[in-house]
N, C-alpha and C. Protein backbone atom coordinates (compact mmCIF):
# COMPACT_ATOMS: atom_id res chain seq x y z
N MET A 1 -6.19 -7.11 -18.71
CA MET A 1 -6.10 -7.56 -17.34
C MET A 1 -7.05 -6.73 -16.48
N ASP A 2 -7.85 -7.38 -15.68
CA ASP A 2 -8.82 -6.69 -14.83
C ASP A 2 -8.14 -6.10 -13.61
N LEU A 3 -8.68 -4.97 -13.16
CA LEU A 3 -8.18 -4.34 -11.93
C LEU A 3 -8.83 -5.00 -10.72
N PHE A 4 -8.07 -5.09 -9.65
CA PHE A 4 -8.62 -5.59 -8.41
C PHE A 4 -9.58 -4.56 -7.85
N HIS A 5 -10.60 -5.00 -7.16
CA HIS A 5 -11.64 -4.13 -6.62
C HIS A 5 -11.04 -3.05 -5.72
N GLY A 6 -11.36 -1.80 -6.00
CA GLY A 6 -10.93 -0.70 -5.15
C GLY A 6 -9.58 -0.12 -5.49
N PHE A 7 -8.88 -0.65 -6.46
CA PHE A 7 -7.55 -0.16 -6.81
C PHE A 7 -7.58 0.51 -8.18
N ASP A 8 -6.79 1.58 -8.30
CA ASP A 8 -6.74 2.29 -9.56
C ASP A 8 -5.75 1.66 -10.54
N SER A 9 -4.89 0.76 -10.04
CA SER A 9 -3.96 0.04 -10.92
C SER A 9 -3.53 -1.25 -10.25
N ASN A 10 -3.11 -2.21 -11.04
CA ASN A 10 -2.61 -3.46 -10.50
C ASN A 10 -1.29 -3.24 -9.76
N TYR A 11 -0.53 -2.27 -10.20
CA TYR A 11 0.73 -1.94 -9.54
C TYR A 11 0.48 -1.51 -8.09
N ARG A 12 -0.54 -0.69 -7.87
CA ARG A 12 -0.85 -0.24 -6.50
C ARG A 12 -1.31 -1.43 -5.64
N TYR A 13 -2.06 -2.35 -6.24
CA TYR A 13 -2.46 -3.55 -5.51
C TYR A 13 -1.23 -4.32 -5.03
N ILE A 14 -0.26 -4.47 -5.89
CA ILE A 14 0.98 -5.20 -5.53
C ILE A 14 1.72 -4.45 -4.43
N LEU A 15 1.81 -3.12 -4.53
CA LEU A 15 2.50 -2.34 -3.50
C LEU A 15 1.83 -2.49 -2.13
N VAL A 16 0.52 -2.38 -2.09
CA VAL A 16 -0.21 -2.48 -0.83
C VAL A 16 -0.06 -3.89 -0.25
N THR A 17 -0.19 -4.90 -1.09
CA THR A 17 -0.08 -6.28 -0.62
C THR A 17 1.34 -6.58 -0.13
N ALA A 18 2.34 -6.10 -0.83
CA ALA A 18 3.73 -6.33 -0.43
C ALA A 18 4.05 -5.65 0.90
N ARG A 19 3.55 -4.44 1.09
CA ARG A 19 3.79 -3.74 2.36
C ARG A 19 3.12 -4.48 3.51
N ARG A 20 1.91 -4.98 3.28
CA ARG A 20 1.22 -5.73 4.32
C ARG A 20 1.96 -7.04 4.61
N ALA A 21 2.49 -7.69 3.58
CA ALA A 21 3.25 -8.93 3.77
C ALA A 21 4.49 -8.66 4.63
N ARG A 22 5.14 -7.53 4.43
CA ARG A 22 6.30 -7.16 5.26
C ARG A 22 5.88 -6.97 6.71
N GLN A 23 4.72 -6.37 6.92
CA GLN A 23 4.22 -6.20 8.29
C GLN A 23 3.97 -7.56 8.94
N LEU A 24 3.41 -8.49 8.18
CA LEU A 24 3.16 -9.83 8.71
C LEU A 24 4.48 -10.54 9.04
N GLN A 25 5.48 -10.38 8.18
CA GLN A 25 6.78 -10.98 8.44
C GLN A 25 7.43 -10.40 9.69
N SER A 26 7.10 -9.16 10.01
CA SER A 26 7.67 -8.50 11.18
C SER A 26 6.90 -8.80 12.46
N GLY A 27 5.86 -9.61 12.36
CA GLY A 27 5.15 -10.04 13.55
C GLY A 27 3.73 -9.56 13.71
N ALA A 28 3.19 -8.84 12.74
CA ALA A 28 1.80 -8.39 12.82
C ALA A 28 0.85 -9.59 12.76
N SER A 29 -0.27 -9.48 13.42
CA SER A 29 -1.26 -10.55 13.43
C SER A 29 -2.11 -10.50 12.17
N PRO A 30 -2.43 -11.65 11.60
CA PRO A 30 -3.31 -11.68 10.42
C PRO A 30 -4.69 -11.12 10.74
N LEU A 31 -5.30 -10.45 9.78
CA LEU A 31 -6.62 -9.85 9.94
C LEU A 31 -7.74 -10.77 9.46
N VAL A 32 -7.38 -11.90 8.87
CA VAL A 32 -8.36 -12.87 8.38
C VAL A 32 -7.98 -14.26 8.89
N GLU A 33 -8.98 -15.11 8.98
CA GLU A 33 -8.73 -16.52 9.31
C GLU A 33 -8.24 -17.21 8.04
N THR A 34 -7.11 -17.90 8.15
CA THR A 34 -6.55 -18.57 6.98
C THR A 34 -5.75 -19.79 7.41
N SER A 35 -5.64 -20.73 6.51
CA SER A 35 -4.82 -21.91 6.79
C SER A 35 -3.41 -21.73 6.25
N SER A 36 -3.19 -20.65 5.52
CA SER A 36 -1.88 -20.38 4.93
C SER A 36 -0.91 -19.85 5.97
N THR A 37 0.36 -20.16 5.77
CA THR A 37 1.41 -19.63 6.64
C THR A 37 2.31 -18.67 5.89
N LYS A 38 2.06 -18.48 4.61
CA LYS A 38 2.90 -17.61 3.79
C LYS A 38 2.41 -16.16 3.89
N PRO A 39 3.29 -15.22 4.26
CA PRO A 39 2.87 -13.83 4.42
C PRO A 39 2.27 -13.21 3.16
N CYS A 40 2.80 -13.53 1.99
CA CYS A 40 2.27 -12.95 0.75
C CYS A 40 0.85 -13.43 0.49
N ARG A 41 0.59 -14.70 0.73
CA ARG A 41 -0.74 -15.25 0.52
C ARG A 41 -1.74 -14.65 1.52
N ILE A 42 -1.31 -14.55 2.78
CA ILE A 42 -2.18 -13.97 3.82
C ILE A 42 -2.49 -12.52 3.49
N ALA A 43 -1.46 -11.76 3.08
CA ALA A 43 -1.66 -10.35 2.75
C ALA A 43 -2.63 -10.20 1.58
N ALA A 44 -2.51 -11.05 0.58
CA ALA A 44 -3.42 -10.98 -0.57
C ALA A 44 -4.85 -11.28 -0.13
N GLN A 45 -5.03 -12.25 0.75
CA GLN A 45 -6.36 -12.57 1.25
C GLN A 45 -6.94 -11.42 2.06
N GLU A 46 -6.10 -10.75 2.84
CA GLU A 46 -6.55 -9.60 3.62
C GLU A 46 -6.99 -8.46 2.73
N VAL A 47 -6.21 -8.18 1.69
CA VAL A 47 -6.54 -7.09 0.77
C VAL A 47 -7.84 -7.41 0.03
N GLN A 48 -7.99 -8.64 -0.42
CA GLN A 48 -9.20 -9.03 -1.15
C GLN A 48 -10.44 -9.01 -0.25
N ALA A 49 -10.24 -9.17 1.07
CA ALA A 49 -11.36 -9.13 2.02
C ALA A 49 -11.60 -7.71 2.53
N ASP A 50 -10.92 -6.72 1.95
CA ASP A 50 -11.05 -5.30 2.34
C ASP A 50 -10.69 -5.07 3.81
N LYS A 51 -9.75 -5.81 4.33
CA LYS A 51 -9.31 -5.65 5.71
C LYS A 51 -8.12 -4.70 5.82
N VAL A 52 -7.46 -4.43 4.70
CA VAL A 52 -6.30 -3.54 4.69
C VAL A 52 -6.73 -2.20 4.11
N LYS A 53 -6.56 -1.16 4.90
CA LYS A 53 -6.94 0.19 4.45
C LYS A 53 -5.71 0.90 3.90
N TRP A 54 -5.90 1.65 2.84
CA TRP A 54 -4.81 2.40 2.23
C TRP A 54 -5.39 3.67 1.63
N GLU A 55 -4.53 4.64 1.41
CA GLU A 55 -4.96 5.88 0.77
C GLU A 55 -3.80 6.46 -0.02
N THR A 56 -4.14 7.25 -1.00
CA THR A 56 -3.11 7.94 -1.77
C THR A 56 -3.04 9.38 -1.29
N VAL A 57 -1.86 9.91 -1.32
CA VAL A 57 -1.64 11.28 -0.88
C VAL A 57 -1.06 12.05 -2.08
N SER A 58 -1.71 13.14 -2.42
CA SER A 58 -1.19 13.94 -3.53
C SER A 58 -0.09 14.85 -2.99
N LEU A 59 1.00 14.86 -3.68
CA LEU A 59 2.14 15.68 -3.28
C LEU A 59 2.09 17.01 -4.03
N GLU A 60 2.16 18.08 -3.27
CA GLU A 60 2.17 19.40 -3.88
C GLU A 60 3.62 19.80 -4.13
N PRO A 61 3.87 20.46 -5.23
CA PRO A 61 5.26 20.86 -5.51
C PRO A 61 5.76 21.87 -4.48
N ILE A 62 7.04 21.76 -4.13
CA ILE A 62 7.66 22.69 -3.20
C ILE A 62 8.02 23.95 -3.98
N PRO A 63 7.64 25.13 -3.45
CA PRO A 63 7.94 26.36 -4.18
C PRO A 63 9.46 26.56 -4.28
N ASP A 64 9.88 27.03 -5.42
CA ASP A 64 11.29 27.28 -5.67
C ASP A 64 11.62 28.71 -5.23
N ASP A 65 12.38 28.86 -4.13
CA ASP A 65 12.70 30.18 -3.59
C ASP A 65 13.66 30.97 -4.47
N THR A 66 14.36 30.32 -5.37
CA THR A 66 15.31 31.04 -6.21
C THR A 66 14.62 31.96 -7.20
N GLU A 67 13.38 31.65 -7.57
CA GLU A 67 12.65 32.49 -8.52
C GLU A 67 12.23 33.80 -7.87
N SER A 68 11.94 33.79 -6.57
CA SER A 68 11.49 35.01 -5.91
C SER A 68 12.65 35.84 -5.34
N GLY A 69 13.86 35.36 -5.50
CA GLY A 69 15.03 36.10 -5.03
C GLY A 69 15.42 35.78 -3.61
N ASN A 70 14.75 34.85 -2.95
CA ASN A 70 15.07 34.49 -1.56
C ASN A 70 16.04 33.30 -1.56
N VAL A 71 17.31 33.58 -1.79
CA VAL A 71 18.32 32.54 -1.82
C VAL A 71 19.04 32.53 -0.50
N ALA A 72 19.19 31.37 0.09
CA ALA A 72 19.84 31.25 1.41
C ALA A 72 21.34 31.38 1.31
């Protein structure tokens, strides 16, 4: 299965598209001209047109204070 342009996995593409579809359902204006009225279809068209920006954030582990003896 081919990856969508700009995505590191198909799963991330689905997550981004689904979140955008929820925004559209909540009243956000479409970013592309479309004849579709379905939020999922509009969101997919927006993502494919590079109108939806997204980024990944790396999470750093939280230091464990119990190892250094600082227990609350």
